Structures are given as structure tokens and as C-alpha cells.
PDB file of N, CA and C in Angstrom:
ATOM      1  N   MET A   1      -6.349  11.328  -1.784  1.00  0.00           N
ATOM      2  CA  MET A   1      -6.112  10.711  -3.077  1.00  0.00           C
ATOM      3  C   MET A   1      -4.867  11.319  -3.705  1.00  0.00           C
ATOM      4  N   LEU A   2      -4.226  10.538  -4.530  1.00  0.00           N
ATOM      5  CA  LEU A   2      -3.022  10.997  -5.202  1.00  0.00           C
ATOM      6  C   LEU A   2      -3.364  11.979  -6.315  1.00  0.00           C
ATOM      7  N   SER A   3      -2.525  12.978  -6.489  1.00  0.00           N
ATOM      8  CA  SER A   3      -2.721  13.914  -7.600  1.00  0.00           C
ATOM      9  C   SER A   3      -2.349  13.196  -8.900  1.00  0.00           C
ATOM     10  N   ASP A   4      -2.821  13.730 -10.023  1.00  0.00           N
ATOM     11  CA  ASP A   4      -2.484  13.132 -11.314  1.00  0.00           C
ATOM     12  C   ASP A   4      -0.974  13.134 -11.540  1.00  0.00           C
ATOM     13  N   GLU A   5      -0.318  14.193 -11.096  1.00  0.00           N
ATOM     14  CA  GLU A   5       1.135  14.295 -11.240  1.00  0.00           C
ATOM     15  C   GLU A   5       1.842  13.199 -10.427  1.00  0.00           C
ATOM     16  N   ALA A   6       1.376  12.986  -9.194  1.00  0.00           N
ATOM     17  CA  ALA A   6       1.966  11.942  -8.343  1.00  0.00           C
ATOM     18  C   ALA A   6       1.736  10.563  -8.959  1.00  0.00           C
ATOM     19  N   LYS A   7       0.562  10.338  -9.510  1.00  0.00           N
ATOM     20  CA  LYS A   7       0.267   9.053 -10.160  1.00  0.00           C
ATOM     21  C   LYS A   7       1.192   8.828 -11.346  1.00  0.00           C
ATOM     22  N   ASP A   8       1.396   9.876 -12.154  1.00  0.00           N
ATOM     23  CA  ASP A   8       2.263   9.758 -13.325  1.00  0.00           C
ATOM     24  C   ASP A   8       3.706   9.457 -12.922  1.00  0.00           C
ATOM     25  N   ARG A   9       4.194  10.135 -11.878  1.00  0.00           N
ATOM     26  CA  ARG A   9       5.560   9.893 -11.396  1.00  0.00           C
ATOM     27  C   ARG A   9       5.715   8.468 -10.879  1.00  0.00           C
ATOM     28  N   LEU A  10       4.741   8.018 -10.097  1.00  0.00           N
ATOM     29  CA  LEU A  10       4.780   6.666  -9.547  1.00  0.00           C
ATOM     30  C   LEU A  10       4.735   5.634 -10.669  1.00  0.00           C
ATOM     31  N   ARG A  11       3.832   5.830 -11.610  1.00  0.00           N
ATOM     32  CA  ARG A  11       3.687   4.903 -12.737  1.00  0.00           C
ATOM     33  C   ARG A  11       5.003   4.802 -13.521  1.00  0.00           C
ATOM     34  N   ALA A  12       5.618   5.944 -13.810  1.00  0.00           N
ATOM     35  CA  ALA A  12       6.878   5.964 -14.568  1.00  0.00           C
ATOM     36  C   ALA A  12       7.983   5.261 -13.785  1.00  0.00           C
ATOM     37  N   SER A  13       8.054   5.508 -12.493  1.00  0.00           N
ATOM     38  CA  SER A  13       9.062   4.878 -11.651  1.00  0.00           C
ATOM     39  C   SER A  13       8.870   3.361 -11.619  1.00  0.00           C
ATOM     40  N   LEU A  14       7.632   2.921 -11.481  1.00  0.00           N
ATOM     41  CA  LEU A  14       7.339   1.488 -11.441  1.00  0.00           C
ATOM     42  C   LEU A  14       7.697   0.812 -12.758  1.00  0.00           C
ATOM     43  N   GLU A  15       7.383   1.466 -13.861  1.00  0.00           N
ATOM     44  CA  GLU A  15       7.678   0.885 -15.179  1.00  0.00           C
ATOM     45  C   GLU A  15       9.183   0.764 -15.399  1.00  0.00           C
ATOM     46  N   LYS A  16       9.935   1.669 -14.801  1.00  0.00           N
ATOM     47  CA  LYS A  16      11.390   1.664 -14.965  1.00  0.00           C
ATOM     48  C   LYS A  16      12.041   0.511 -14.208  1.00  0.00           C
ATOM     49  N   VAL A  17      11.463   0.141 -13.046  1.00  0.00           N
ATOM     50  CA  VAL A  17      12.123  -0.836 -12.168  1.00  0.00           C
ATOM     51  C   VAL A  17      11.525  -2.240 -12.214  1.00  0.00           C
ATOM     52  N   HIS A  18      10.302  -2.377 -12.666  1.00  0.00           N
ATOM     53  CA  HIS A  18       9.630  -3.685 -12.616  1.00  0.00           C
ATOM     54  C   HIS A  18       9.290  -4.188 -14.012  1.00  0.00           C
ATOM     55  N   GLU A  19       9.280  -5.510 -14.114  1.00  0.00           N
ATOM     56  CA  GLU A  19       8.691  -6.173 -15.279  1.00  0.00           C
ATOM     57  C   GLU A  19       7.429  -6.839 -14.770  1.00  0.00           C
ATOM     58  N   TRP A  20       6.332  -6.660 -15.475  1.00  0.00           N
ATOM     59  CA  TRP A  20       5.033  -7.145 -14.995  1.00  0.00           C
ATOM     60  C   TRP A  20       4.687  -8.447 -15.665  1.00  0.00           C
ATOM     61  N   PRO A  21       4.025  -9.370 -14.941  1.00  0.00           N
ATOM     62  CA  PRO A  21       3.638  -9.318 -13.529  1.00  0.00           C
ATOM     63  C   PRO A  21       4.862  -9.375 -12.622  1.00  0.00           C
ATOM     64  N   SER A  22       4.694  -8.830 -11.421  1.00  0.00           N
ATOM     65  CA  SER A  22       5.807  -8.732 -10.483  1.00  0.00           C
ATOM     66  C   SER A  22       5.294  -8.782  -9.046  1.00  0.00           C
ATOM     67  N   LEU A  23       6.116  -9.354  -8.170  1.00  0.00           N
ATOM     68  CA  LEU A  23       5.800  -9.319  -6.749  1.00  0.00           C
ATOM     69  C   LEU A  23       6.075  -7.900  -6.268  1.00  0.00           C
ATOM     70  N   TYR A  24       5.076  -7.265  -5.688  1.00  0.00           N
ATOM     71  CA  TYR A  24       5.228  -5.885  -5.244  1.00  0.00           C
ATOM     72  C   TYR A  24       5.016  -5.818  -3.734  1.00  0.00           C
ATOM     73  N   MET A  25       5.794  -4.966  -3.077  1.00  0.00           N
ATOM     74  CA  MET A  25       5.703  -4.818  -1.628  1.00  0.00           C
ATOM     75  C   MET A  25       5.187  -3.419  -1.291  1.00  0.00           C
ATOM     76  N   TYR A  26       4.018  -3.373  -0.677  1.00  0.00           N
ATOM     77  CA  TYR A  26       3.418  -2.122  -0.209  1.00  0.00           C
ATOM     78  C   TYR A  26       3.821  -1.899   1.242  1.00  0.00           C
ATOM     79  N   LYS A  27       3.964  -0.626   1.622  1.00  0.00           N
ATOM     80  CA  LYS A  27       4.261  -0.300   3.025  1.00  0.00           C
ATOM     81  C   LYS A  27       3.345   0.840   3.471  1.00  0.00           C
ATOM     82  N   PHE A  28       2.769   0.656   4.658  1.00  0.00           N
ATOM     83  CA  PHE A  28       1.867   1.642   5.246  1.00  0.00           C
ATOM     84  C   PHE A  28       2.196   1.807   6.718  1.00  0.00           C
ATOM     85  N   ILE A  29       1.945   2.993   7.243  1.00  0.00           N
ATOM     86  CA  ILE A  29       2.060   3.245   8.677  1.00  0.00           C
ATOM     87  C   ILE A  29       0.741   3.863   9.125  1.00  0.00           C
ATOM     88  N   LEU A  30       0.222   3.379  10.249  1.00  0.00           N
ATOM     89  CA  LEU A  30      -1.033   3.908  10.764  1.00  0.00           C
ATOM     90  C   LEU A  30      -1.138   3.629  12.254  1.00  0.00           C
ATOM     91  N   GLU A  31      -2.050   4.328  12.899  1.00  0.00           N
ATOM     92  CA  GLU A  31      -2.350   4.009  14.291  1.00  0.00           C
ATOM     93  C   GLU A  31      -3.113   2.689  14.283  1.00  0.00           C
ATOM     94  N   PRO A  32      -2.902   1.832  15.271  1.00  0.00           N
ATOM     95  CA  PRO A  32      -3.527   0.507  15.244  1.00  0.00           C
ATOM     96  C   PRO A  32      -5.022   0.531  15.587  1.00  0.00           C
ATOM     97  N   ASP A  33      -5.762   1.350  14.887  1.00  0.00           N
ATOM     98  CA  ASP A  33      -7.206   1.434  15.019  1.00  0.00           C
ATOM     99  C   ASP A  33      -7.826   0.295  14.200  1.00  0.00           C
ATOM    100  N   ALA A  34      -8.718  -0.464  14.797  1.00  0.00           N
ATOM    101  CA  ALA A  34      -9.273  -1.661  14.143  1.00  0.00           C
ATOM    102  C   ALA A  34      -9.969  -1.337  12.830  1.00  0.00           C
ATOM    103  N   ASP A  35     -10.761  -0.267  12.780  1.00  0.00           N
ATOM    104  CA  ASP A  35     -11.477   0.084  11.552  1.00  0.00           C
ATOM    105  C   ASP A  35     -10.515   0.502  10.443  1.00  0.00           C
ATOM    106  N   ARG A  36      -9.530   1.307  10.796  1.00  0.00           N
ATOM    107  CA  ARG A  36      -8.541   1.771   9.813  1.00  0.00           C
ATOM    108  C   ARG A  36      -7.717   0.589   9.293  1.00  0.00           C
ATOM    109  N   LEU A  37      -7.310  -0.275  10.194  1.00  0.00           N
ATOM    110  CA  LEU A  37      -6.549  -1.464   9.814  1.00  0.00           C
ATOM    111  C   LEU A  37      -7.371  -2.354   8.889  1.00  0.00           C
ATOM    112  N   ALA A  38      -8.619  -2.541   9.224  1.00  0.00           N
ATOM    113  CA  ALA A  38      -9.512  -3.358   8.386  1.00  0.00           C
ATOM    114  C   ALA A  38      -9.693  -2.729   7.009  1.00  0.00           C
ATOM    115  N   ALA A  39      -9.783  -1.410   6.943  1.00  0.00           N
ATOM    116  CA  ALA A  39      -9.958  -0.720   5.660  1.00  0.00           C
ATOM    117  C   ALA A  39      -8.739  -0.926   4.760  1.00  0.00           C
ATOM    118  N   VAL A  40      -7.555  -0.865   5.337  1.00  0.00           N
ATOM    119  CA  VAL A  40      -6.335  -1.081   4.543  1.00  0.00           C
ATOM    120  C   VAL A  40      -6.269  -2.527   4.087  1.00  0.00           C
ATOM    121  N   LEU A  41      -6.506  -3.457   4.984  1.00  0.00           N
ATOM    122  CA  LEU A  41      -6.422  -4.872   4.632  1.00  0.00           C
ATOM    123  C   LEU A  41      -7.483  -5.276   3.611  1.00  0.00           C
ATOM    124  N   ALA A  42      -8.618  -4.575   3.600  1.00  0.00           N
ATOM    125  CA  ALA A  42      -9.685  -4.869   2.641  1.00  0.00           C
ATOM    126  C   ALA A  42      -9.269  -4.536   1.206  1.00  0.00           C
ATOM    127  N   LEU A  43      -8.214  -3.755   1.041  1.00  0.00           N
ATOM    128  CA  LEU A  43      -7.723  -3.422  -0.299  1.00  0.00           C
ATOM    129  C   LEU A  43      -6.995  -4.593  -0.956  1.00  0.00           C
ATOM    130  N   PHE A  44      -6.679  -5.621  -0.163  1.00  0.00           N
ATOM    131  CA  PHE A  44      -5.860  -6.726  -0.645  1.00  0.00           C
ATOM    132  C   PHE A  44      -6.613  -8.043  -0.527  1.00  0.00           C
ATOM    133  N   PRO A  45      -6.332  -8.977  -1.445  1.00  0.00           N
ATOM    134  CA  PRO A  45      -6.948 -10.306  -1.314  1.00  0.00           C
ATOM    135  C   PRO A  45      -6.412 -11.020  -0.077  1.00  0.00           C
ATOM    136  N   THR A  46      -7.174 -11.934   0.433  1.00  0.00           N
ATOM    137  CA  THR A  46      -6.813 -12.627   1.670  1.00  0.00           C
ATOM    138  C   THR A  46      -5.529 -13.433   1.540  1.00  0.00           C
ATOM    139  N   GLU A  47      -5.162 -13.826   0.323  1.00  0.00           N
ATOM    140  CA  GLU A  47      -3.934 -14.624   0.164  1.00  0.00           C
ATOM    141  C   GLU A  47      -2.661 -13.767   0.120  1.00  0.00           C
ATOM    142  N   SER A  48      -2.795 -12.464   0.173  1.00  0.00           N
ATOM    143  CA  SER A  48      -1.613 -11.595   0.214  1.00  0.00           C
ATOM    144  C   SER A  48      -0.857 -11.810   1.517  1.00  0.00           C
ATOM    145  N   GLU A  49       0.464 -11.706   1.431  1.00  0.00           N
ATOM    146  CA  GLU A  49       1.308 -11.850   2.621  1.00  0.00           C
ATOM    147  C   GLU A  49       1.332 -10.510   3.357  1.00  0.00           C
ATOM    148  N   VAL A  50       0.965 -10.535   4.645  1.00  0.00           N
ATOM    149  CA  VAL A  50       0.894  -9.309   5.442  1.00  0.00           C
ATOM    150  C   VAL A  50       1.786  -9.456   6.671  1.00  0.00           C
ATOM    151  N   LEU A  51       2.675  -8.476   6.855  1.00  0.00           N
ATOM    152  CA  LEU A  51       3.531  -8.436   8.031  1.00  0.00           C
ATOM    153  C   LEU A  51       3.166  -7.185   8.818  1.00  0.00           C
ATOM    154  N   ARG A  52       2.868  -7.366  10.098  1.00  0.00           N
ATOM    155  CA  ARG A  52       2.553  -6.236  10.979  1.00  0.00           C
ATOM    156  C   ARG A  52       3.697  -6.060  11.958  1.00  0.00           C
ATOM    157  N   ARG A  53       4.132  -4.825  12.119  1.00  0.00           N
ATOM    158  CA  ARG A  53       5.190  -4.529  13.091  1.00  0.00           C
ATOM    159  C   ARG A  53       4.746  -3.303  13.878  1.00  0.00           C
ATOM    160  N   TYR A  54       4.653  -3.474  15.185  1.00  0.00           N
ATOM    161  CA  TYR A  54       4.205  -2.391  16.060  1.00  0.00           C
ATOM    162  C   TYR A  54       5.395  -1.588  16.549  1.00  0.00           C
ATOM    163  N   SER A  55       5.191  -0.277  16.704  1.00  0.00           N
ATOM    164  CA  SER A  55       6.253   0.577  17.248  1.00  0.00           C
ATOM    165  C   SER A  55       6.497   0.193  18.699  1.00  0.00           C
ATOM    166  N   ALA A  56       7.632   0.637  19.239  1.00  0.00           N
ATOM    167  CA  ALA A  56       8.025   0.269  20.606  1.00  0.00           C
ATOM    168  C   ALA A  56       6.932   0.606  21.617  1.00  0.00           C
ATOM    169  N   GLY A  57       6.306   1.745  21.465  1.00  0.00           N
ATOM    170  CA  GLY A  57       5.257   2.151  22.391  1.00  0.00           C
ATOM    171  C   GLY A  57       3.878   1.653  22.001  1.00  0.00           C
ATOM    172  N   GLY A  58       3.773   1.005  20.842  1.00  0.00           N
ATOM    173  CA  GLY A  58       2.483   0.489  20.387  1.00  0.00           C
ATOM    174  C   GLY A  58       1.560   1.543  19.806  1.00  0.00           C
ATOM    175  N   LYS A  59       2.091   2.751  19.591  1.00  0.00           N
ATOM    176  CA  LYS A  59       1.242   3.835  19.083  1.00  0.00           C
ATOM    177  C   LYS A  59       0.975   3.700  17.581  1.00  0.00           C
ATOM    178  N   TYR A  60       1.895   3.050  16.870  1.00  0.00           N
ATOM    179  CA  TYR A  60       1.757   2.885  15.422  1.00  0.00           C
ATOM    180  C   TYR A  60       2.007   1.442  15.031  1.00  0.00           C
ATOM    181  N   VAL A  61       1.465   1.081  13.880  1.00  0.00           N
ATOM    182  CA  VAL A  61       1.741  -0.224  13.295  1.00  0.00           C
ATOM    183  C   VAL A  61       2.159   0.017  11.848  1.00  0.00           C
ATOM    184  N   SER A  62       3.194  -0.703  11.435  1.00  0.00           N
ATOM    185  CA  SER A  62       3.565  -0.642  10.027  1.00  0.00           C
ATOM    186  C   SER A  62       3.084  -1.942   9.389  1.00  0.00           C
ATOM    187  N   LEU A  63       2.535  -1.798   8.211  1.00  0.00           N
ATOM    188  CA  LEU A  63       2.066  -2.954   7.455  1.00  0.00           C
ATOM    189  C   LEU A  63       2.936  -3.089   6.217  1.00  0.00           C
ATOM    190  N   THR A  64       3.402  -4.278   5.980  1.00  0.00           N
ATOM    191  CA  THR A  64       4.078  -4.606   4.732  1.00  0.00           C
ATOM    192  C   THR A  64       3.221  -5.675   4.075  1.00  0.00           C
ATOM    193  N   VAL A  65       2.765  -5.384   2.872  1.00  0.00           N
ATOM    194  CA  VAL A  65       1.889  -6.317   2.168  1.00  0.00           C
ATOM    195  C   VAL A  65       2.547  -6.681   0.846  1.00  0.00           C
ATOM    196  N   LYS A  66       2.692  -7.977   0.585  1.00  0.00           N
ATOM    197  CA  LYS A  66       3.269  -8.449  -0.667  1.00  0.00           C
ATOM    198  C   LYS A  66       2.185  -9.115  -1.498  1.00  0.00           C
ATOM    199  N   GLU A  67       2.158  -8.728  -2.768  1.00  0.00           N
ATOM    200  CA  GLU A  67       1.172  -9.291  -3.682  1.00  0.00           C
ATOM    201  C   GLU A  67       1.740  -9.276  -5.097  1.00  0.00           C
ATOM    202  N   VAL A  68       1.400 -10.280  -5.886  1.00  0.00           N
ATOM    203  CA  VAL A  68       1.789 -10.282  -7.289  1.00  0.00           C
ATOM    204  C   VAL A  68       0.835  -9.343  -8.025  1.00  0.00           C
ATOM    205  N   MET A  69       1.427  -8.322  -8.641  1.00  0.00           N
ATOM    206  CA  MET A  69       0.631  -7.332  -9.371  1.00  0.00           C
ATOM    207  C   MET A  69       0.868  -7.530 -10.862  1.00  0.00           C
ATOM    208  N   MET A  70      -0.155  -7.240 -11.650  1.00  0.00           N
ATOM    209  CA  MET A  70      -0.078  -7.470 -13.084  1.00  0.00           C
ATOM    210  C   MET A  70       0.442  -6.274 -13.871  1.00  0.00           C
ATOM    211  N   SER A  71       0.354  -5.075 -13.274  1.00  0.00           N
ATOM    212  CA  SER A  71       0.783  -3.873 -14.003  1.00  0.00           C
ATOM    213  C   SER A  71       1.051  -2.733 -13.035  1.00  0.00           C
ATOM    214  N   ALA A  72       1.771  -1.743 -13.519  1.00  0.00           N
ATOM    215  CA  ALA A  72       2.017  -0.535 -12.729  1.00  0.00           C
ATOM    216  C   ALA A  72       0.701   0.168 -12.425  1.00  0.00           C
ATOM    217  N   GLU A  73      -0.221   0.117 -13.362  1.00  0.00           N
ATOM    218  CA  GLU A  73      -1.518   0.786 -13.171  1.00  0.00           C
ATOM    219  C   GLU A  73      -2.267   0.197 -11.974  1.00  0.00           C
ATOM    220  N   GLU A  74      -2.181  -1.111 -11.769  1.00  0.00           N
ATOM    221  CA  GLU A  74      -2.818  -1.743 -10.613  1.00  0.00           C
ATOM    222  C   GLU A  74      -2.201  -1.240  -9.311  1.00  0.00           C
ATOM    223  N   VAL A  75      -0.888  -1.075  -9.287  1.00  0.00           N
ATOM    224  CA  VAL A  75      -0.201  -0.584  -8.092  1.00  0.00           C
ATOM    225  C   VAL A  75      -0.630   0.849  -7.797  1.00  0.00           C
ATOM    226  N   VAL A  76      -0.651   1.682  -8.825  1.00  0.00           N
ATOM    227  CA  VAL A  76      -1.055   3.083  -8.668  1.00  0.00           C
ATOM    228  C   VAL A  76      -2.484   3.164  -8.152  1.00  0.00           C
ATOM    229  N   ASP A  77      -3.366   2.341  -8.703  1.00  0.00           N
ATOM    230  CA  ASP A  77      -4.771   2.334  -8.272  1.00  0.00           C
ATOM    231  C   ASP A  77      -4.890   1.937  -6.801  1.00  0.00           C
ATOM    232  N   ARG A  78      -4.130   0.941  -6.379  1.00  0.00           N
ATOM    233  CA  ARG A  78      -4.182   0.486  -4.990  1.00  0.00           C
ATOM    234  C   ARG A  78      -3.677   1.580  -4.052  1.00  0.00           C
ATOM    235  N   TYR A  79      -2.576   2.248  -4.419  1.00  0.00           N
ATOM    236  CA  TYR A  79      -2.069   3.352  -3.606  1.00  0.00           C
ATOM    237  C   TYR A  79      -3.076   4.490  -3.538  1.00  0.00           C
ATOM    238  N   ASP A  80      -3.743   4.763  -4.646  1.00  0.00           N
ATOM    239  CA  ASP A  80      -4.736   5.833  -4.674  1.00  0.00           C
ATOM    240  C   ASP A  80      -5.865   5.538  -3.687  1.00  0.00           C
ATOM    241  N   LYS A  81      -6.305   4.303  -3.649  1.00  0.00           N
ATOM    242  CA  LYS A  81      -7.363   3.913  -2.706  1.00  0.00           C
ATOM    243  C   LYS A  81      -6.865   4.004  -1.262  1.00  0.00           C
ATOM    244  N   ALA A  82      -5.624   3.596  -1.027  1.00  0.00           N
ATOM    245  CA  ALA A  82      -5.070   3.625   0.333  1.00  0.00           C
ATOM    246  C   ALA A  82      -4.938   5.051   0.852  1.00  0.00           C
ATOM    247  N   THR A  83      -4.588   5.991  -0.024  1.00  0.00           N
ATOM    248  CA  THR A  83      -4.425   7.375   0.423  1.00  0.00           C
ATOM    249  C   THR A  83      -5.750   8.018   0.800  1.00  0.00           C
ATOM    250  N   SER A  84      -6.858   7.418   0.383  1.00  0.00           N
ATOM    251  CA  SER A  84      -8.167   7.976   0.750  1.00  0.00           C
ATOM    252  C   SER A  84      -8.609   7.538   2.151  1.00  0.00           C
ATOM    253  N   ILE A  85      -7.860   6.620   2.769  1.00  0.00           N
ATOM    254  CA  ILE A  85      -8.174   6.185   4.133  1.00  0.00           C
ATOM    255  C   ILE A  85      -7.499   7.151   5.101  1.00  0.00           C
ATOM    256  N   ARG A  86      -8.287   7.822   5.881  1.00  0.00           N
ATOM    257  CA  ARG A  86      -7.781   8.852   6.786  1.00  0.00           C
ATOM    258  C   ARG A  86      -6.782   8.279   7.792  1.00  0.00           C
ATOM    259  N   GLY A  87      -5.649   8.952   7.943  1.00  0.00           N
ATOM    260  CA  GLY A  87      -4.665   8.551   8.932  1.00  0.00           C
ATOM    261  C   GLY A  87      -3.665   7.505   8.475  1.00  0.00           C
ATOM    262  N   VAL A  88      -3.729   7.117   7.208  1.00  0.00           N
ATOM    263  CA  VAL A  88      -2.799   6.119   6.689  1.00  0.00           C
ATOM    264  C   VAL A  88      -1.662   6.824   5.958  1.00  0.00           C
ATOM    265  N   ILE A  89      -0.433   6.510   6.334  1.00  0.00           N
ATOM    266  CA  ILE A  89       0.747   7.054   5.670  1.00  0.00           C
ATOM    267  C   ILE A  89       1.227   5.990   4.690  1.00  0.00           C
ATOM    268  N   VAL A  90       1.339   6.377   3.437  1.00  0.00           N
ATOM    269  CA  VAL A  90       1.774   5.461   2.380  1.00  0.00           C
ATOM    270  C   VAL A  90       3.255   5.709   2.124  1.00  0.00           C
ATOM    271  N   LEU A  91       4.044   4.648   2.157  1.00  0.00           N
ATOM    272  CA  LEU A  91       5.484   4.780   1.894  1.00  0.00           C
ATOM    273  C   LEU A  91       5.816   4.224   0.533  1.00  0.00           C
TER     274      LEU A  91
END
């Protein structure tokens, strides 16, 4: 989970660059484990745009997820949930 300090920094950065609601792009890197992948995808509604890109050797998959978010707080909350999934790197 994100520390309170990390959440505050992220929130401030998001407020500086975005006007809400806004299309936001999340990026994650993880091993292509079905359960882990399902856990990350479960954080997003089914209508979100998801792009999967596998590394050359297939050892990792990067996920890019685009969704219209209503506030910086929603983005911070989603990242906080994603960081609790073991083995997921949040970019």
C-alpha cells in the first residue's frame, strides 16, 4: 500500500496536471500470472480500455489501462489498491 506521504505527492501532482473529470492512463508491470492479472483487471470496469504488451521473452506483461476518472482521489485510491497486489509494479 502507498504511504500517506506518497499519496499526498501523487494527489498534488495529479491536481497540478489534470482537470477532472479526465481520461487517465494507468501503467502496471507484472509476471503474466493469471490470478495476478485478474486481480489487477478487477480494479477496473469492463469498459476500460486495456492494452497488454508482453516482454520479448514473455516473462513480463505491461498493462496500460485508460479510464475516465472523476477526481485525483479516485486515481490515488486505485493505485493504493493496485500496490496491495503482490508482484505488481505500478508506474
